[in-house]
Amino acid sequence: MIGRSLMPLAFTLATLMPAAAASPQEQRGKTFALNNCAKCHSIDKVTPSPLKIAPPFRTLHKRYPIETLGEALAEGIYTGHPTMPTFQLEPDQIGDLLSYLKTLE
């Protein structure tokens, strides 16, 4: 009976506790996305993309395994629509961005 009486308290504490802090790598990836991608893409877990045809980053893992995006980011992202600029990232930027994208899964 004690376990059941503590369940509401445990639930309340769990919902009030802040989420785990982002690692420095995840924070750098989020900053990169904010500065370079957020004009068109949603870079969080809830908002719509400012540009309707730009997929929200939170859905990328449904299309591609996030780990496989590193090579494309290194070689340059090229898309079929003219509003998407070409991006070619440095290895540290790739690691940072991939770490951030994984937080959105």
PDB file of N, CA and C in Angstrom:
ATOM      1  N   MET A   1       0.810  -1.193   0.000  1.00  0.00           N
ATOM      2  CA  MET A   1       0.000   0.000   0.000  1.00  0.00           C
ATOM      3  C   MET A   1       0.859   1.266   0.000  1.00  0.00           C
ATOM      4  N   ILE A   2       2.003   1.216   0.609  1.00  0.00           N
ATOM      5  CA  ILE A   2       2.841   2.402   0.657  1.00  0.00           C
ATOM      6  C   ILE A   2       3.250   2.795  -0.753  1.00  0.00           C
ATOM      7  N   GLY A   3       3.601   1.818  -1.591  1.00  0.00           N
ATOM      8  CA  GLY A   3       4.013   2.104  -2.959  1.00  0.00           C
ATOM      9  C   GLY A   3       2.942   2.847  -3.728  1.00  0.00           C
ATOM     10  N   ARG A   4       1.680   2.442  -3.590  1.00  0.00           N
ATOM     11  CA  ARG A   4       0.592   3.115  -4.299  1.00  0.00           C
ATOM     12  C   ARG A   4       0.380   4.533  -3.797  1.00  0.00           C
ATOM     13  N   SER A   5       0.542   4.747  -2.533  1.00  0.00           N
ATOM     14  CA  SER A   5       0.310   6.088  -1.998  1.00  0.00           C
ATOM     15  C   SER A   5       1.419   7.056  -2.413  1.00  0.00           C
ATOM     16  N   LEU A   6       2.585   6.538  -2.763  1.00  0.00           N
ATOM     17  CA  LEU A   6       3.682   7.397  -3.190  1.00  0.00           C
ATOM     18  C   LEU A   6       3.673   7.666  -4.699  1.00  0.00           C
ATOM     19  N   MET A   7       2.876   6.907  -5.435  1.00  0.00           N
ATOM     20  CA  MET A   7       2.862   7.067  -6.892  1.00  0.00           C
ATOM     21  C   MET A   7       2.462   8.477  -7.327  1.00  0.00           C
ATOM     22  N   PRO A   8       1.406   9.082  -6.761  1.00  0.00           N
ATOM     23  CA  PRO A   8       1.087  10.457  -7.188  1.00  0.00           C
ATOM     24  C   PRO A   8       2.222  11.430  -6.873  1.00  0.00           C
ATOM     25  N   LEU A   9       2.878  11.238  -5.754  1.00  0.00           N
ATOM     26  CA  LEU A   9       3.997  12.104  -5.396  1.00  0.00           C
ATOM     27  C   LEU A   9       5.145  11.934  -6.386  1.00  0.00           C
ATOM     28  N   ALA A  10       5.453  10.703  -6.737  1.00  0.00           N
ATOM     29  CA  ALA A  10       6.534  10.440  -7.683  1.00  0.00           C
ATOM     30  C   ALA A  10       6.211  11.046  -9.046  1.00  0.00           C
ATOM     31  N   PHE A  11       4.960  10.921  -9.480  1.00  0.00           N
ATOM     32  CA  PHE A  11       4.555  11.501 -10.758  1.00  0.00           C
ATOM     33  C   PHE A  11       4.687  13.021 -10.725  1.00  0.00           C
ATOM     34  N   THR A  12       4.237  13.632  -9.647  1.00  0.00           N
ATOM     35  CA  THR A  12       4.327  15.085  -9.504  1.00  0.00           C
ATOM     36  C   THR A  12       5.777  15.549  -9.530  1.00  0.00           C
ATOM     37  N   LEU A  13       6.642  14.864  -8.805  1.00  0.00           N
ATOM     38  CA  LEU A  13       8.053  15.237  -8.790  1.00  0.00           C
ATOM     39  C   LEU A  13       8.685  15.076 -10.168  1.00  0.00           C
ATOM     40  N   ALA A  14       8.335  14.014 -10.859  1.00  0.00           N
ATOM     41  CA  ALA A  14       8.901  13.759 -12.185  1.00  0.00           C
ATOM     42  C   ALA A  14       8.478  14.836 -13.183  1.00  0.00           C
ATOM     43  N   THR A  15       7.248  15.324 -13.074  1.00  0.00           N
ATOM     44  CA  THR A  15       6.790  16.335 -14.020  1.00  0.00           C
ATOM     45  C   THR A  15       7.328  17.723 -13.689  1.00  0.00           C
ATOM     46  N   LEU A  16       7.716  17.948 -12.435  1.00  0.00           N
ATOM     47  CA  LEU A  16       8.239  19.249 -12.042  1.00  0.00           C
ATOM     48  C   LEU A  16       9.741  19.373 -12.250  1.00  0.00           C
ATOM     49  N   MET A  17      10.435  18.252 -12.338  1.00  0.00           N
ATOM     50  CA  MET A  17      11.888  18.275 -12.494  1.00  0.00           C
ATOM     51  C   MET A  17      12.242  18.720 -13.906  1.00  0.00           C
ATOM     52  N   PRO A  18      13.243  19.574 -14.055  1.00  0.00           N
ATOM     53  CA  PRO A  18      13.634  20.009 -15.399  1.00  0.00           C
ATOM     54  C   PRO A  18      14.227  18.851 -16.196  1.00  0.00           C
ATOM     55  N   ALA A  19      14.106  18.955 -17.509  1.00  0.00           N
ATOM     56  CA  ALA A  19      14.702  17.942 -18.375  1.00  0.00           C
ATOM     57  C   ALA A  19      16.218  18.016 -18.240  1.00  0.00           C
ATOM     58  N   ALA A  20      16.867  16.938 -18.618  1.00  0.00           N
ATOM     59  CA  ALA A  20      18.327  16.909 -18.542  1.00  0.00           C
ATOM     60  C   ALA A  20      18.909  18.030 -19.391  1.00  0.00           C
ATOM     61  N   ALA A  21      19.936  18.647 -18.886  1.00  0.00           N
ATOM     62  CA  ALA A  21      20.577  19.746 -19.606  1.00  0.00           C
ATOM     63  C   ALA A  21      21.244  19.207 -20.870  1.00  0.00           C
ATOM     64  N   ALA A  22      21.218  20.017 -21.896  1.00  0.00           N
ATOM     65  CA  ALA A  22      21.850  19.634 -23.153  1.00  0.00           C
ATOM     66  C   ALA A  22      23.366  19.611 -22.975  1.00  0.00           C
ATOM     67  N   SER A  23      23.994  18.657 -23.640  1.00  0.00           N
ATOM     68  CA  SER A  23      25.456  18.605 -23.617  1.00  0.00           C
ATOM     69  C   SER A  23      25.998  19.797 -24.412  1.00  0.00           C
ATOM     70  N   PRO A  24      27.265  20.141 -24.225  1.00  0.00           N
ATOM     71  CA  PRO A  24      27.842  21.231 -25.034  1.00  0.00           C
ATOM     72  C   PRO A  24      27.726  20.960 -26.539  1.00  0.00           C
ATOM     73  N   GLN A  25      27.906  19.712 -26.928  1.00  0.00           N
ATOM     74  CA  GLN A  25      27.809  19.366 -28.349  1.00  0.00           C
ATOM     75  C   GLN A  25      26.381  19.572 -28.855  1.00  0.00           C
ATOM     76  N   GLU A  26      25.390  19.138 -28.088  1.00  0.00           N
ATOM     77  CA  GLU A  26      23.989  19.338 -28.481  1.00  0.00           C
ATOM     78  C   GLU A  26      23.654  20.824 -28.539  1.00  0.00           C
ATOM     79  N   GLN A  27      24.151  21.594 -27.596  1.00  0.00           N
ATOM     80  CA  GLN A  27      23.882  23.034 -27.581  1.00  0.00           C
ATOM     81  C   GLN A  27      24.510  23.722 -28.794  1.00  0.00           C
ATOM     82  N   ARG A  28      25.716  23.326 -29.156  1.00  0.00           N
ATOM     83  CA  ARG A  28      26.349  23.903 -30.357  1.00  0.00           C
ATOM     84  C   ARG A  28      25.551  23.530 -31.609  1.00  0.00           C
ATOM     85  N   GLY A  29      25.062  22.291 -31.659  1.00  0.00           N
ATOM     86  CA  GLY A  29      24.238  21.868 -32.796  1.00  0.00           C
ATOM     87  C   GLY A  29      22.940  22.654 -32.880  1.00  0.00           C
ATOM     88  N   LYS A  30      22.335  22.897 -31.738  1.00  0.00           N
ATOM     89  CA  LYS A  30      21.097  23.685 -31.713  1.00  0.00           C
ATOM     90  C   LYS A  30      21.378  25.116 -32.169  1.00  0.00           C
ATOM     91  N   THR A  31      22.479  25.677 -31.730  1.00  0.00           N
ATOM     92  CA  THR A  31      22.852  27.036 -32.132  1.00  0.00           C
ATOM     93  C   THR A  31      23.089  27.100 -33.639  1.00  0.00           C
ATOM     94  N   PHE A  32      23.774  26.085 -34.185  1.00  0.00           N
ATOM     95  CA  PHE A  32      23.992  26.035 -35.638  1.00  0.00           C
ATOM     96  C   PHE A  32      22.648  25.995 -36.354  1.00  0.00           C
ATOM     97  N   ALA A  33      21.747  25.123 -35.905  1.00  0.00           N
ATOM     98  CA  ALA A  33      20.432  25.003 -36.540  1.00  0.00           C
ATOM     99  C   ALA A  33      19.654  26.311 -36.432  1.00  0.00           C
ATOM    100  N   LEU A  34      19.722  26.944 -35.288  1.00  0.00           N
ATOM    101  CA  LEU A  34      19.026  28.209 -35.094  1.00  0.00           C
ATOM    102  C   LEU A  34      19.554  29.279 -36.053  1.00  0.00           C
ATOM    103  N   ASN A  35      20.862  29.352 -36.203  1.00  0.00           N
ATOM    104  CA  ASN A  35      21.474  30.376 -37.048  1.00  0.00           C
ATOM    105  C   ASN A  35      21.389  30.091 -38.544  1.00  0.00           C
ATOM    106  N   ASN A  36      21.304  28.817 -38.926  1.00  0.00           N
ATOM    107  CA  ASN A  36      21.392  28.461 -40.341  1.00  0.00           C
ATOM    108  C   ASN A  36      20.154  27.781 -40.927  1.00  0.00           C
ATOM    109  N   CYS A  37      19.280  27.272 -40.083  1.00  0.00           N
ATOM    110  CA  CYS A  37      18.198  26.435 -40.587  1.00  0.00           C
ATOM    111  C   CYS A  37      16.795  26.905 -40.183  1.00  0.00           C
ATOM    112  N   ALA A  38      16.711  27.614 -39.068  1.00  0.00           N
ATOM    113  CA  ALA A  38      15.402  27.946 -38.484  1.00  0.00           C
ATOM    114  C   ALA A  38      14.593  28.935 -39.315  1.00  0.00           C
ATOM    115  N   LYS A  39      15.214  29.597 -40.261  1.00  0.00           N
ATOM    116  CA  LYS A  39      14.464  30.507 -41.122  1.00  0.00           C
ATOM    117  C   LYS A  39      13.413  29.735 -41.926  1.00  0.00           C
ATOM    118  N   CYS A  40      13.711  28.484 -42.230  1.00  0.00           N
ATOM    119  CA  CYS A  40      12.794  27.664 -43.033  1.00  0.00           C
ATOM    120  C   CYS A  40      12.248  26.440 -42.281  1.00  0.00           C
ATOM    121  N   HIS A  41      13.117  25.792 -41.481  1.00  0.00           N
ATOM    122  CA  HIS A  41      12.754  24.546 -40.807  1.00  0.00           C
ATOM    123  C   HIS A  41      12.384  24.787 -39.345  1.00  0.00           C
ATOM    124  N   SER A  42      11.436  24.008 -38.868  1.00  0.00           N
ATOM    125  CA  SER A  42      11.219  23.951 -37.428  1.00  0.00           C
ATOM    126  C   SER A  42      12.382  23.166 -36.852  1.00  0.00           C
ATOM    127  N   ILE A  43      13.008  23.704 -35.815  1.00  0.00           N
ATOM    128  CA  ILE A  43      14.155  23.016 -35.220  1.00  0.00           C
ATOM    129  C   ILE A  43      13.840  22.551 -33.803  1.00  0.00           C
ATOM    130  N   ASP A  44      12.552  22.498 -33.452  1.00  0.00           N
ATOM    131  CA  ASP A  44      12.175  22.034 -32.119  1.00  0.00           C
ATOM    132  C   ASP A  44      11.165  20.897 -32.235  1.00  0.00           C
ATOM    133  N   LYS A  45      10.580  20.528 -31.127  1.00  0.00           N
ATOM    134  CA  LYS A  45       9.677  19.374 -31.108  1.00  0.00           C
ATOM    135  C   LYS A  45       8.215  19.718 -31.354  1.00  0.00           C
ATOM    136  N   VAL A  46       7.869  20.995 -31.499  1.00  0.00           N
ATOM    137  CA  VAL A  46       6.441  21.311 -31.585  1.00  0.00           C
ATOM    138  C   VAL A  46       6.028  22.302 -32.665  1.00  0.00           C
ATOM    139  N   THR A  47       6.833  23.281 -32.992  1.00  0.00           N
ATOM    140  CA  THR A  47       6.369  24.334 -33.890  1.00  0.00           C
ATOM    141  C   THR A  47       6.396  23.880 -35.345  1.00  0.00           C
ATOM    142  N   PRO A  48       5.517  24.473 -36.161  1.00  0.00           N
ATOM    143  CA  PRO A  48       5.564  24.163 -37.598  1.00  0.00           C
ATOM    144  C   PRO A  48       6.746  24.871 -38.238  1.00  0.00           C
ATOM    145  N   SER A  49       7.168  24.370 -39.371  1.00  0.00           N
ATOM    146  CA  SER A  49       8.256  25.013 -40.113  1.00  0.00           C
ATOM    147  C   SER A  49       7.755  26.330 -40.691  1.00  0.00           C
ATOM    148  N   PRO A  50       8.576  27.393 -40.610  1.00  0.00           N
ATOM    149  CA  PRO A  50       8.183  28.672 -41.202  1.00  0.00           C
ATOM    150  C   PRO A  50       7.919  28.569 -42.707  1.00  0.00           C
ATOM    151  N   LEU A  51       8.691  27.742 -43.393  1.00  0.00           N
ATOM    152  CA  LEU A  51       8.484  27.490 -44.817  1.00  0.00           C
ATOM    153  C   LEU A  51       7.766  26.147 -44.932  1.00  0.00           C
ATOM    154  N   LYS A  52       6.571  26.178 -45.458  1.00  0.00           N
ATOM    155  CA  LYS A  52       5.711  24.986 -45.456  1.00  0.00           C
ATOM    156  C   LYS A  52       6.367  23.742 -46.060  1.00  0.00           C
ATOM    157  N   ILE A  53       7.163  23.912 -47.115  1.00  0.00           N
ATOM    158  CA  ILE A  53       7.762  22.736 -47.767  1.00  0.00           C
ATOM    159  C   ILE A  53       9.001  22.214 -47.037  1.00  0.00           C
ATOM    160  N   ALA A  54       9.493  22.951 -46.046  1.00  0.00           N
ATOM    161  CA  ALA A  54      10.692  22.541 -45.307  1.00  0.00           C
ATOM    162  C   ALA A  54      10.297  21.589 -44.176  1.00  0.00           C
ATOM    163  N   PRO A  55      10.793  20.366 -44.196  1.00  0.00           N
ATOM    164  CA  PRO A  55      10.388  19.421 -43.144  1.00  0.00           C
ATOM    165  C   PRO A  55      10.911  19.838 -41.772  1.00  0.00           C
ATOM    166  N   PRO A  56      10.083  19.667 -40.747  1.00  0.00           N
ATOM    167  CA  PRO A  56      10.567  19.921 -39.380  1.00  0.00           C
ATOM    168  C   PRO A  56      11.701  18.956 -39.062  1.00  0.00           C
ATOM    169  N   PHE A  57      12.719  19.444 -38.380  1.00  0.00           N
ATOM    170  CA  PHE A  57      13.850  18.585 -38.031  1.00  0.00           C
ATOM    171  C   PHE A  57      13.426  17.402 -37.173  1.00  0.00           C
ATOM    172  N   ARG A  58      12.354  17.538 -36.409  1.00  0.00           N
ATOM    173  CA  ARG A  58      11.915  16.438 -35.538  1.00  0.00           C
ATOM    174  C   ARG A  58      11.412  15.233 -36.337  1.00  0.00           C
ATOM    175  N   THR A  59      11.181  15.410 -37.648  1.00  0.00           N
ATOM    176  CA  THR A  59      10.705  14.295 -38.473  1.00  0.00           C
ATOM    177  C   THR A  59      11.812  13.658 -39.305  1.00  0.00           C
ATOM    178  N   LEU A  60      13.003  14.228 -39.305  1.00  0.00           N
ATOM    179  CA  LEU A  60      14.076  13.702 -40.150  1.00  0.00           C
ATOM    180  C   LEU A  60      14.402  12.248 -39.846  1.00  0.00           C
ATOM    181  N   HIS A  61      14.354  11.864 -38.561  1.00  0.00           N
ATOM    182  CA  HIS A  61      14.698  10.482 -38.199  1.00  0.00           C
ATOM    183  C   HIS A  61      13.690   9.478 -38.759  1.00  0.00           C
ATOM    184  N   LYS A  62      12.514   9.947 -39.154  1.00  0.00           N
ATOM    185  CA  LYS A  62      11.519   9.055 -39.760  1.00  0.00           C
ATOM    186  C   LYS A  62      11.844   8.790 -41.230  1.00  0.00           C
ATOM    187  N   ARG A  63      12.618   9.687 -41.826  1.00  0.00           N
ATOM    188  CA  ARG A  63      13.009   9.542 -43.226  1.00  0.00           C
ATOM    189  C   ARG A  63      14.379   8.898 -43.384  1.00  0.00           C
ATOM    190  N   TYR A  64      15.282   9.257 -42.489  1.00  0.00           N
ATOM    191  CA  TYR A  64      16.680   8.814 -42.591  1.00  0.00           C
ATOM    192  C   TYR A  64      17.214   8.494 -41.205  1.00  0.00           C
ATOM    193  N   PRO A  65      18.030   7.461 -41.064  1.00  0.00           N
ATOM    194  CA  PRO A  65      18.736   7.299 -39.793  1.00  0.00           C
ATOM    195  C   PRO A  65      19.661   8.507 -39.618  1.00  0.00           C
ATOM    196  N   ILE A  66      19.568   9.178 -38.498  1.00  0.00           N
ATOM    197  CA  ILE A  66      20.322  10.410 -38.274  1.00  0.00           C
ATOM    198  C   ILE A  66      21.817  10.200 -38.504  1.00  0.00           C
ATOM    199  N   GLU A  67      22.347   9.056 -38.083  1.00  0.00           N
ATOM    200  CA  GLU A  67      23.778   8.788 -38.236  1.00  0.00           C
ATOM    201  C   GLU A  67      24.216   8.831 -39.693  1.00  0.00           C
ATOM    202  N   THR A  68      23.308   8.519 -40.620  1.00  0.00           N
ATOM    203  CA  THR A  68      23.673   8.475 -42.038  1.00  0.00           C
ATOM    204  C   THR A  68      23.704   9.848 -42.691  1.00  0.00           C
ATOM    205  N   LEU A  69      23.265  10.871 -42.006  1.00  0.00           N
ATOM    206  CA  LEU A  69      23.252  12.214 -42.577  1.00  0.00           C
ATOM    207  C   LEU A  69      24.630  12.870 -42.576  1.00  0.00           C
ATOM    208  N   GLY A  70      25.543  12.347 -41.792  1.00  0.00           N
ATOM    209  CA  GLY A  70      26.871  12.944 -41.675  1.00  0.00           C
ATOM    210  C   GLY A  70      27.586  13.066 -42.996  1.00  0.00           C
ATOM    211  N   GLU A  71      27.560  12.026 -43.803  1.00  0.00           N
ATOM    212  CA  GLU A  71      28.255  12.055 -45.094  1.00  0.00           C
ATOM    213  C   GLU A  71      27.661  13.112 -46.015  1.00  0.00           C
ATOM    214  N   ALA A  72      26.333  13.194 -46.053  1.00  0.00           N
ATOM    215  CA  ALA A  72      25.686  14.200 -46.899  1.00  0.00           C
ATOM    216  C   ALA A  72      26.037  15.608 -46.429  1.00  0.00           C
ATOM    217  N   LEU A  73      26.097  15.800 -45.118  1.00  0.00           N
ATOM    218  CA  LEU A  73      26.453  17.118 -44.598  1.00  0.00           C
ATOM    219  C   LEU A  73      27.902  17.477 -44.923  1.00  0.00           C
ATOM    220  N   ALA A  74      28.765  16.483 -44.971  1.00  0.00           N
ATOM    221  CA  ALA A  74      30.175  16.725 -45.289  1.00  0.00           C
ATOM    222  C   ALA A  74      30.372  17.029 -46.778  1.00  0.00           C
ATOM    223  N   GLU A  75      29.622  16.335 -47.617  1.00  0.00           N
ATOM    224  CA  GLU A  75      29.764  16.515 -49.063  1.00  0.00           C
ATOM    225  C   GLU A  75      28.981  17.710 -49.574  1.00  0.00           C
ATOM    226  N   GLY A  76      27.969  18.099 -48.846  1.00  0.00           N
ATOM    227  CA  GLY A  76      27.105  19.214 -49.247  1.00  0.00           C
ATOM    228  C   GLY A  76      25.693  18.732 -49.478  1.00  0.00           C
ATOM    229  N   ILE A  77      24.755  19.424 -48.860  1.00  0.00           N
ATOM    230  CA  ILE A  77      23.336  19.097 -49.034  1.00  0.00           C
ATOM    231  C   ILE A  77      22.838  19.835 -50.267  1.00  0.00           C
ATOM    232  N   TYR A  78      22.314  19.084 -51.224  1.00  0.00           N
ATOM    233  CA  TYR A  78      21.728  19.652 -52.430  1.00  0.00           C
ATOM    234  C   TYR A  78      20.311  19.128 -52.529  1.00  0.00           C
ATOM    235  N   THR A  79      19.359  20.027 -52.738  1.00  0.00           N
ATOM    236  CA  THR A  79      17.976  19.585 -52.863  1.00  0.00           C
ATOM    237  C   THR A  79      17.412  20.052 -54.189  1.00  0.00           C
ATOM    238  N   GLY A  80      16.232  19.552 -54.495  1.00  0.00           N
ATOM    239  CA  GLY A  80      15.597  19.892 -55.762  1.00  0.00           C
ATOM    240  C   GLY A  80      14.830  21.198 -55.749  1.00  0.00           C
ATOM    241  N   HIS A  81      14.773  21.891 -54.622  1.00  0.00           N
ATOM    242  CA  HIS A  81      14.042  23.161 -54.649  1.00  0.00           C
ATOM    243  C   HIS A  81      14.997  24.331 -54.443  1.00  0.00           C
ATOM    244  N   PRO A  82      14.745  25.433 -55.135  1.00  0.00           N
ATOM    245  CA  PRO A  82      15.704  26.538 -55.182  1.00  0.00           C
ATOM    246  C   PRO A  82      15.856  27.321 -53.880  1.00  0.00           C
ATOM    247  N   THR A  83      14.925  27.197 -52.958  1.00  0.00           N
ATOM    248  CA  THR A  83      15.025  27.978 -51.727  1.00  0.00           C
ATOM    249  C   THR A  83      15.992  27.372 -50.717  1.00  0.00           C
ATOM    250  N   MET A  84      16.390  26.119 -50.926  1.00  0.00           N
ATOM    251  CA  MET A  84      17.314  25.462 -50.004  1.00  0.00           C
ATOM    252  C   MET A  84      18.746  25.760 -50.426  1.00  0.00           C
ATOM    253  N   PRO A  85      19.484  26.498 -49.585  1.00  0.00           N
ATOM    254  CA  PRO A  85      20.885  26.759 -49.936  1.00  0.00           C
ATOM    255  C   PRO A  85      21.725  25.499 -49.787  1.00  0.00           C
ATOM    256  N   THR A  86      22.861  25.481 -50.444  1.00  0.00           N
ATOM    257  CA  THR A  86      23.790  24.365 -50.310  1.00  0.00           C
ATOM    258  C   THR A  86      24.577  24.540 -49.017  1.00  0.00           C
ATOM    259  N   PHE A  87      24.645  23.480 -48.242  1.00  0.00           N
ATOM    260  CA  PHE A  87      25.402  23.503 -46.992  1.00  0.00           C
ATOM    261  C   PHE A  87      26.471  22.437 -47.040  1.00  0.00           C
ATOM    262  N   GLN A  88      27.664  22.796 -46.664  1.00  0.00           N
ATOM    263  CA  GLN A  88      28.753  21.841 -46.504  1.00  0.00           C
ATOM    264  C   GLN A  88      29.385  22.143 -45.157  1.00  0.00           C
ATOM    265  N   LEU A  89      29.291  21.208 -44.232  1.00  0.00           N
ATOM    266  CA  LEU A  89      29.725  21.436 -42.863  1.00  0.00           C
ATOM    267  C   LEU A  89      31.085  20.828 -42.590  1.00  0.00           C
ATOM    268  N   GLU A  90      31.758  21.407 -41.615  1.00  0.00           N
ATOM    269  CA  GLU A  90      33.026  20.880 -41.118  1.00  0.00           C
ATOM    270  C   GLU A  90      32.723  19.692 -40.190  1.00  0.00           C
ATOM    271  N   PRO A  91      33.695  18.790 -39.994  1.00  0.00           N
ATOM    272  CA  PRO A  91      33.450  17.604 -39.158  1.00  0.00           C
ATOM    273  C   PRO A  91      32.904  17.924 -37.759  1.00  0.00           C
ATOM    274  N   ASP A  92      33.416  18.953 -37.101  1.00  0.00           N
ATOM    275  CA  ASP A  92      32.911  19.263 -35.763  1.00  0.00           C
ATOM    276  C   ASP A  92      31.480  19.787 -35.820  1.00  0.00           C
ATOM    277  N   GLN A  93      31.139  20.536 -36.867  1.00  0.00           N
ATOM    278  CA  GLN A  93      29.777  21.019 -37.033  1.00  0.00           C
ATOM    279  C   GLN A  93      28.819  19.860 -37.283  1.00  0.00           C
ATOM    280  N   ILE A  94      29.273  18.886 -38.042  1.00  0.00           N
ATOM    281  CA  ILE A  94      28.447  17.718 -38.335  1.00  0.00           C
ATOM    282  C   ILE A  94      28.131  16.969 -37.054  1.00  0.00           C
ATOM    283  N   GLY A  95      29.141  16.702 -36.249  1.00  0.00           N
ATOM    284  CA  GLY A  95      28.925  16.002 -34.982  1.00  0.00           C
ATOM    285  C   GLY A  95      27.964  16.755 -34.076  1.00  0.00           C
ATOM    286  N   ASP A  96      28.131  18.065 -34.017  1.00  0.00           N
ATOM    287  CA  ASP A  96      27.258  18.884 -33.183  1.00  0.00           C
ATOM    288  C   ASP A  96      25.815  18.820 -33.675  1.00  0.00           C
ATOM    289  N   LEU A  97      25.624  19.016 -34.982  1.00  0.00           N
ATOM    290  CA  LEU A  97      24.270  19.025 -35.527  1.00  0.00           C
ATOM    291  C   LEU A  97      23.602  17.663 -35.382  1.00  0.00           C
ATOM    292  N   LEU A  98      24.326  16.597 -35.657  1.00  0.00           N
ATOM    293  CA  LEU A  98      23.757  15.251 -35.501  1.00  0.00           C
ATOM    294  C   LEU A  98      23.378  14.978 -34.040  1.00  0.00           C
ATOM    295  N   SER A  99      24.212  15.422 -33.127  1.00  0.00           N
ATOM    296  CA  SER A  99      23.881  15.250 -31.701  1.00  0.00           C
ATOM    297  C   SER A  99      22.588  15.975 -31.356  1.00  0.00           C
ATOM    298  N   TYR A 100      22.433  17.177 -31.887  1.00  0.00           N
ATOM    299  CA  TYR A 100      21.194  17.916 -31.624  1.00  0.00           C
ATOM    300  C   TYR A 100      20.003  17.231 -32.284  1.00  0.00           C
ATOM    301  N   LEU A 101      20.138  16.796 -33.530  1.00  0.00           N
ATOM    302  CA  LEU A 101      19.027  16.147 -34.209  1.00  0.00           C
ATOM    303  C   LEU A 101      18.556  14.898 -33.459  1.00  0.00           C
ATOM    304  N   LYS A 102      19.477  14.180 -32.846  1.00  0.00           N
ATOM    305  CA  LYS A 102      19.103  12.994 -32.084  1.00  0.00           C
ATOM    306  C   LYS A 102      18.230  13.339 -30.883  1.00  0.00           C
ATOM    307  N   THR A 103      18.367  14.560 -30.357  1.00  0.00           N
ATOM    308  CA  THR A 103      17.527  14.954 -29.213  1.00  0.00           C
ATOM    309  C   THR A 103      16.076  15.173 -29.642  1.00  0.00           C
ATOM    310  N   LEU A 104      15.841  15.317 -30.922  1.00  0.00           N
ATOM    311  CA  LEU A 104      14.492  15.575 -31.429  1.00  0.00           C
ATOM    312  C   LEU A 104      13.735  14.302 -31.775  1.00  0.00           C
ATOM    313  N   GLU A 105      14.392  13.150 -31.722  1.00  0.00           N
ATOM    314  CA  GLU A 105      13.730  11.889 -32.094  1.00  0.00           C
ATOM    315  C   GLU A 105      12.610  11.574 -31.127  1.00  0.00           C
TER     316      GLU A 105
END
